[in-house]
Protein backbone atom coordinates (compact mmCIF):
# COMPACT_ATOMS: atom_id res chain seq x y z
CA MET A 1 -12.20 68.91 6.50
CA ALA A 2 -12.71 70.65 9.80
CA LYS A 3 -9.39 70.94 11.63
CA TRP A 4 -8.87 71.17 15.39
CA GLY A 5 -8.95 74.74 16.59
CA GLU A 6 -11.41 76.04 13.99
CA GLY A 7 -14.14 75.84 16.57
CA ASP A 8 -16.92 74.07 14.72
CA PRO A 9 -19.93 74.23 17.00
CA ARG A 10 -21.39 70.74 16.49
CA TRP A 11 -20.71 67.79 18.75
CA ILE A 12 -22.87 65.54 16.61
CA VAL A 13 -20.93 64.56 13.50
CA GLU A 14 -23.19 65.12 10.53
CA GLU A 15 -22.84 64.39 6.80
CA ARG A 16 -25.21 66.63 4.79
CA PRO A 17 -24.15 66.69 1.11
CA ASP A 18 -27.28 68.73 0.19
CA ALA A 19 -27.79 70.49 3.48
CA THR A 20 -30.42 67.99 4.38
CA ASN A 21 -30.89 64.99 6.71
CA VAL A 22 -29.62 62.42 4.14
CA ASN A 23 -30.37 58.79 4.97
CA ASN A 24 -32.62 60.08 7.76
CA TRP A 25 -29.83 59.42 10.26
CA HIS A 26 -29.86 62.63 12.23
CA TRP A 27 -32.50 63.69 14.73
CA THR A 28 -34.91 66.25 13.26
CA GLU A 29 -37.87 67.68 15.11
CA ARG A 30 -40.96 69.67 14.22
CA ASN A 31 -43.01 71.55 16.81
CA ALA A 32 -46.52 70.26 16.33
CA SER A 33 -48.17 72.26 19.14
CA PRO A 34 -49.71 75.17 17.28
CA TRP A 35 -50.83 72.86 14.47
CA SER A 36 -52.31 70.40 17.03
CA GLN A 37 -54.23 73.10 18.86
CA GLU A 38 -55.88 74.23 15.62
CA ARG A 39 -56.62 70.66 14.56
CA ILE A 40 -58.18 69.74 17.91
CA LYS A 41 -60.33 72.92 17.82
CA GLU A 42 -61.48 72.11 14.29
CA LEU A 43 -62.36 68.47 15.23
CA PHE A 44 -64.51 69.52 18.16
CA LYS A 45 -66.45 72.38 16.55
CA ASP A 46 -70.19 71.69 16.67
CA VAL A 47 -69.95 67.91 16.82
CA LYS A 48 -73.32 66.11 17.02
CA VAL A 49 -73.73 63.16 19.43
CA PRO A 50 -76.34 60.77 17.98
CA SER A 51 -79.30 60.00 20.21
CA ASP A 52 -83.02 59.42 19.89
CA GLU A 53 -83.74 60.90 23.27
CA ALA A 54 -81.93 64.21 23.02
CA ASP A 55 -80.21 66.70 20.77
CA ILE A 56 -76.61 66.87 22.00
CA LEU A 57 -73.78 68.99 20.59
CA ILE A 58 -70.13 69.27 21.55
CA THR A 59 -69.86 72.96 20.81
CA GLU A 60 -66.15 73.99 21.18
CA VAL A 61 -62.84 73.54 22.89
CA ASP A 62 -62.67 75.50 26.10
CA LYS A 63 -59.13 74.66 27.07
CA CYS A 64 -56.29 73.04 25.16
CA GLU A 65 -53.02 72.92 27.19
CA GLY A 66 -49.91 70.84 26.39
CA GLU A 67 -47.51 70.22 23.57
CA ALA A 68 -46.76 67.93 20.66
CA SER A 69 -43.84 67.22 18.32
CA ALA A 70 -42.88 64.89 15.53
CA ASN A 71 -39.30 63.55 15.31
CA ASN A 72 -37.31 61.61 12.70
CA ARG A 73 -34.45 59.51 13.99
CA LYS A 74 -32.65 56.94 11.74
CA GLY A 75 -35.60 56.95 9.35
CA LYS A 76 -38.10 56.22 12.15
CA LEU A 77 -40.83 58.69 13.05
CA ILE A 78 -41.33 59.23 16.79
CA PHE A 79 -44.31 61.21 18.08
CA PHE A 80 -44.80 63.03 21.37
CA TYR A 81 -48.03 64.59 22.44
CA GLU A 82 -49.51 65.42 25.84
CA TRP A 83 -52.70 67.40 26.11
CA ASN A 84 -55.13 68.49 28.81
CA LEU A 85 -58.43 69.22 27.16
CA VAL A 86 -61.71 70.74 28.31
CA LEU A 87 -64.66 70.79 25.89
CA LYS A 88 -68.07 72.52 26.11
CA TRP A 89 -71.27 70.63 25.33
CA SER A 90 -74.99 71.35 25.40
CA GLY A 91 -78.13 69.20 25.08
CA GLU A 92 -81.91 69.27 25.06
CA LEU A 93 -84.12 66.34 25.93
CA THR A 94 -86.98 65.56 23.53
CA GLU A 95 -89.45 65.99 26.37
CA GLY A 96 -87.96 69.38 27.16
CA GLY A 97 -85.12 70.79 29.24
CA LYS A 98 -81.87 72.47 28.01
CA TYR A 99 -78.60 71.92 29.81
CA ASN A 100 -74.92 72.75 29.47
CA GLY A 101 -71.88 70.89 30.56
CA LYS A 102 -68.15 70.26 30.13
CA ILE A 103 -65.93 67.33 29.09
CA THR A 104 -62.51 67.02 30.65
CA ILE A 105 -59.74 64.86 29.12
CA PRO A 106 -56.70 65.22 31.44
CA ASN A 107 -54.24 62.74 29.95
CA LEU A 108 -54.30 62.57 26.14
CA SER A 109 -50.77 61.33 25.35
CA GLU A 110 -48.91 58.67 23.42
CA GLU A 111 -48.53 56.71 26.66
CA ASN A 112 -52.31 56.18 27.02
CA ASP A 113 -54.46 54.20 24.58
CA ILE A 114 -57.39 56.24 23.41
CA SER A 115 -59.78 53.33 24.26
CA GLU A 116 -58.69 53.66 27.92
CA LEU A 117 -58.65 57.46 28.27
CA ASP A 118 -60.26 59.07 31.29
CA ILE A 119 -63.10 61.13 29.88
CA GLN A 120 -65.00 63.06 32.55
CA ILE A 121 -68.54 64.34 31.77
CA THR A 122 -70.04 67.08 33.97
CA ILE A 123 -73.30 69.09 33.74
CA SER A 124 -74.14 72.41 35.29
CA GLU A 125 -77.59 71.54 36.62
CA ASN A 126 -78.60 68.99 39.24
CA ASP A 127 -82.09 67.81 38.50
CA GLU A 128 -83.64 64.67 37.03
CA GLY A 129 -83.40 65.89 33.44
CA ALA A 130 -79.78 66.81 33.89
CA HIS A 131 -78.95 63.33 35.27
CA LYS A 132 -80.73 61.68 32.38
CA LEU A 133 -78.95 63.83 29.75
CA LYS A 134 -75.60 63.22 31.46
CA GLU A 135 -76.15 59.50 31.34
CA ILE A 136 -76.91 59.65 27.56
CA MET A 137 -73.80 61.71 27.01
CA ILE A 138 -71.72 59.18 28.93
CA GLN A 139 -73.09 56.30 26.89
CA LYS A 140 -73.13 57.94 23.45
CA GLY A 141 -70.79 60.87 23.66
CA LYS A 142 -67.58 59.09 24.78
CA ASP A 143 -67.45 57.04 21.54
CA VAL A 144 -67.78 60.24 19.49
CA ILE A 145 -64.95 61.93 21.55
CA ARG A 146 -62.67 58.95 21.17
CA ASP A 147 -63.27 58.90 17.43
CA LYS A 148 -62.32 62.54 17.15
CA LEU A 149 -59.21 62.05 19.24
CA SER A 150 -58.20 59.13 17.03
CA GLN A 151 -58.60 61.42 14.03
CA TYR A 152 -56.25 63.95 15.66
CA VAL A 153 -53.54 61.29 16.34
CA THR A 154 -53.86 59.94 12.77
CA SER A 155 -53.55 63.44 11.40
CA LEU A 156 -50.50 64.12 13.45
CA LYS A 157 -48.79 60.97 12.23
CA VAL A 158 -49.82 61.32 8.59
CA GLU A 159 -50.60 64.90 7.63
CA PHE A 160 -48.27 66.84 9.94
CA SER A 161 -45.26 64.51 9.52
CA ASP A 162 -45.47 64.31 5.74
CA GLY A 163 -42.04 64.84 4.23
CA MET A 164 -40.04 64.10 7.34
CA ILE A 165 -38.74 60.81 5.93
CA LEU A 166 -36.32 61.94 3.29
CA PRO A 167 -34.70 60.25 0.29
CA LYS A 168 -31.57 58.24 0.92
CA LYS A 169 -28.23 59.73 -0.01
CA ASP A 170 -28.02 58.08 -3.39
CA GLU A 171 -31.59 59.10 -4.20
CA VAL A 172 -31.16 62.81 -3.56
CA LYS A 173 -31.65 65.04 -6.59
CA PRO A 174 -30.75 68.71 -6.86
CA ASN A 175 -33.44 71.09 -5.70
CA SER A 176 -35.61 68.26 -4.53
CA ILE A 177 -35.11 68.53 -0.76
CA ASN A 178 -36.54 71.07 1.66
CA ASN A 179 -34.65 71.73 4.91
CA LEU A 180 -36.38 70.58 8.06
CA THR A 181 -34.90 71.57 11.44
CA SER A 182 -31.21 70.94 10.84
CA GLY A 183 -30.23 74.56 11.18
CA PHE A 184 -27.32 74.17 8.78
CA ASN A 185 -27.15 75.16 5.18
CA LYS A 186 -23.77 74.03 3.82
CA LYS A 187 -21.73 70.92 3.64
CA ILE A 188 -19.06 70.54 6.36
CA ASN A 189 -17.27 67.24 6.69
CA MET A 190 -16.34 66.81 10.37
CA VAL A 191 -14.16 63.79 10.02
CA PRO A 192 -11.73 64.11 12.94
CA VAL A 193 -8.11 64.83 12.14
CA ILE A 194 -5.54 62.44 13.46
CA SER A 195 -3.49 64.86 15.48
CA GLU A 196 0.24 64.85 15.97
CA SER A 197 -0.25 65.66 19.65
CA LYS A 198 0.65 62.09 20.61
CA GLN A 199 4.24 62.98 19.93
CA ILE A 200 6.22 63.25 23.19
CA GLY A 201 6.88 66.78 24.24
CA LEU A 202 4.09 68.51 22.26
CA LYS A 203 2.52 71.14 24.48
CA ILE A 204 -1.17 72.12 24.06
CA GLU A 205 -2.14 75.54 25.27
CA THR A 206 -5.26 75.23 27.43
CA SER A 207 -7.74 77.32 29.37
CA THR A 208 -10.37 76.87 32.08
CA ILE A 209 -14.13 77.27 31.68
CA ASN A 210 -16.36 78.30 34.60
CA ILE A 211 -20.15 77.95 34.29
CA THR A 212 -22.77 78.69 36.92
CA GLN A 213 -26.22 77.27 36.37
CA LYS A 214 -29.48 77.53 38.32
CA PHE A 215 -32.04 74.76 37.81
CA GLN A 216 -35.57 74.56 39.12
CA CYS A 217 -35.21 70.95 40.41
CA LYS A 218 -33.83 69.02 43.32
CA ALA A 219 -30.09 68.27 43.52
CA GLU A 220 -30.89 64.59 43.24
CA GLU A 221 -32.87 65.14 40.06
CA PHE A 222 -30.03 66.98 38.35
CA TYR A 223 -27.57 64.33 39.50
CA ASN A 224 -29.80 61.60 38.05
CA ALA A 225 -30.10 63.50 34.73
CA MET A 226 -26.34 63.34 34.41
CA THR A 227 -25.86 59.73 35.52
CA ARG A 228 -28.99 57.58 34.82
CA ILE A 229 -28.91 56.07 31.37
CA GLU A 230 -32.60 56.52 30.67
CA MET A 231 -32.39 60.25 31.54
CA VAL A 232 -29.07 60.82 29.66
CA THR A 233 -30.61 59.03 26.66
CA ALA A 234 -33.68 61.36 26.85
CA PHE A 235 -31.89 64.65 26.79
CA THR A 236 -29.14 63.62 24.37
CA ARG A 237 -31.80 62.11 22.11
CA GLY A 238 -29.79 59.14 21.04
CA PRO A 239 -28.12 55.96 22.29
CA VAL A 240 -25.47 56.40 25.00
CA LYS A 241 -23.06 54.29 26.92
CA ILE A 242 -22.65 55.16 30.57
CA ASP A 243 -21.32 53.39 33.62
CA PRO A 244 -21.77 55.83 36.57
CA VAL A 245 -19.18 54.41 39.00
CA LYS A 246 -15.66 55.51 39.72
CA GLY A 247 -13.61 54.47 36.70
CA GLY A 248 -16.68 53.86 34.63
CA LYS A 249 -16.72 55.13 31.09
CA PHE A 250 -19.25 57.17 29.16
CA GLU A 251 -19.89 57.83 25.50
CA LEU A 252 -22.42 60.45 24.28
CA PHE A 253 -23.59 61.94 21.01
CA ARG A 254 -22.52 58.91 18.96
CA GLY A 255 -19.02 58.83 20.43
CA ASN A 256 -18.24 62.49 19.95
CA ILE A 257 -18.05 63.05 23.77
CA THR A 258 -16.25 60.36 25.75
CA GLY A 259 -14.63 60.06 29.12
CA THR A 260 -14.38 58.46 32.51
CA PHE A 261 -16.09 59.12 35.84
CA GLU A 262 -13.31 60.05 38.36
CA GLU A 263 -15.55 60.84 41.36
CA LEU A 264 -19.26 60.54 42.14
CA ILE A 265 -21.01 61.86 45.20
CA PRO A 266 -24.78 61.44 44.70
CA GLY A 267 -26.61 64.78 44.66
CA LYS A 268 -23.37 66.65 45.38
CA LYS A 269 -20.50 66.25 42.90
CA ILE A 270 -19.44 64.66 39.63
CA VAL A 271 -15.87 64.67 38.31
CA GLN A 272 -15.13 63.45 34.79
CA SER A 273 -12.20 63.02 32.54
CA TRP A 274 -13.81 64.44 29.36
CA ARG A 275 -12.91 64.94 25.70
CA TYR A 276 -14.39 66.01 22.42
CA LYS A 277 -13.51 63.83 19.45
CA GLN A 278 -12.20 66.73 17.46
CA TRP A 279 -9.52 67.51 20.02
CA PRO A 280 -5.94 66.32 19.58
CA GLU A 281 -5.71 62.59 20.07
CA GLY A 282 -5.38 61.45 23.64
CA HIS A 283 -6.09 64.89 25.13
CA TYR A 284 -8.61 65.04 27.98
CA SER A 285 -9.98 67.87 30.09
CA THR A 286 -11.26 67.55 33.65
CA VAL A 287 -14.91 68.48 34.34
CA THR A 288 -15.90 69.10 37.94
CA ILE A 289 -19.65 69.58 38.60
CA ASN A 290 -20.55 70.80 42.06
CA ILE A 291 -24.27 70.50 42.83
CA ASN A 292 -25.72 72.70 45.58
CA GLU A 293 -29.37 72.51 46.50
CA LYS A 294 -30.91 75.80 47.69
CA SER A 295 -34.34 76.55 49.19
CA ASP A 296 -36.03 77.17 45.79
CA HIS A 297 -33.53 75.88 43.18
CA THR A 298 -30.37 73.91 42.61
CA GLU A 299 -27.16 75.75 41.75
CA VAL A 300 -24.66 73.97 39.62
CA GLU A 301 -21.03 75.06 39.23
CA VAL A 302 -19.12 73.56 36.33
CA ILE A 303 -15.30 73.91 36.22
CA GLN A 304 -13.65 72.49 33.15
CA THR A 305 -9.82 72.59 33.06
CA GLY A 306 -7.56 71.65 30.19
CA VAL A 307 -9.79 72.92 27.36
CA PRO A 308 -7.71 73.69 24.23
CA LYS A 309 -7.62 77.49 23.92
CA GLY A 310 -9.07 77.55 20.43
CA GLU A 311 -12.07 75.49 21.63
CA VAL A 312 -13.14 77.51 24.71
CA ASP A 313 -15.99 79.54 23.10
CA VAL A 314 -17.47 76.66 21.16
CA THR A 315 -17.23 74.30 24.16
CA LYS A 316 -19.14 76.82 26.27
CA ALA A 317 -21.78 77.11 23.59
CA ASN A 318 -22.14 73.38 23.25
CA TRP A 319 -22.54 72.80 27.00
CA ASP A 320 -25.39 75.33 26.70
CA ARG A 321 -26.94 73.85 23.59
CA TYR A 322 -26.54 70.10 24.02
CA TYR A 323 -26.71 69.82 27.82
CA TRP A 324 -28.54 72.69 29.50
CA ASP A 325 -31.06 73.67 26.88
CA SER A 326 -31.83 70.06 26.11
CA MET A 327 -32.27 69.24 29.81
CA LYS A 328 -34.59 72.17 30.19
CA ALA A 329 -36.72 71.13 27.22
CA THR A 330 -36.74 67.44 28.21
CA PHE A 331 -37.26 67.58 32.01
CA GLY A 332 -38.75 71.05 32.54
CA PHE A 333 -35.91 72.13 34.87
CA GLY A 334 -36.48 75.80 33.87
CA ALA A 335 -32.76 76.56 33.74
CA PHE A 336 -31.30 80.04 33.61
CA PHE A 337 -27.61 80.53 33.56
CA THR A 338 -24.59 82.90 33.68
CA PHE A 339 -21.17 82.32 32.26
CA ILE A 340 -18.17 83.54 34.32
CA ASN A 341 -14.99 84.11 32.36
């Protein structure tokens, strides 16, 4: 049992009897970007477009920019992909005339149905033969392209994600589980200890944390990321409860971080009464977040008073891991930061 003061670095309480995501409850994520790039290049290598009037070939991928991931949350697979593709193609009409062109697909993502994708066909020349070949490519080639893109999405959801849904707790057998992205390799039961701190007169030795952050975003964007439920849900990657008004309560990371909003000045300042579930019962710190927009970035100063002394280092690390790094990855704020002791 992890006792208060031992500084366990996780805010998300996890039960992992075999060092694995048992019952598929916890969020696990696989980076599918390198695999996706190779798969897309493979699918569009020398692809023939059927036509009686011309020999047309999609030759290769010229550009493949974006990212993809596969996530498992509560036994449900969630996929994210967003790609900007440019393909090369060439064609020769039966009556003569060779031409080259490009295919641009600017918005391949899970938000857009493949049947409705914007597929732009261009050709390098500008004569009658080029126009005829381009029209054939528009009529015949788009179906081929959509078919290949469908194959990529299917592969992502079937081949790449194979093994992400794990056996339930009572089905786990020794040596039968491979770790995914949990990052932990031993069992630690983080059931909170019922502290004796509720006794009158017990003094808790505390300290203050000062953190300075610089984000590549507007002050309003950072403020929204800390107060709008859809944005908080996105970067914490799980259900949250949040009422961003004075006196309103919040609950993050499945109840492991809770508190109350004490002051809210949009785009300027957030003050919270804030506690971690592992702390002595009833003990809260005060978090003051000052938001200052500069000419090319937003500077954020976090002052947290009343942090139990044994929890200072781990609390700093968890602000970094679960707030700042996650915001950066989710919203592209491009954060860089410095701690001030």
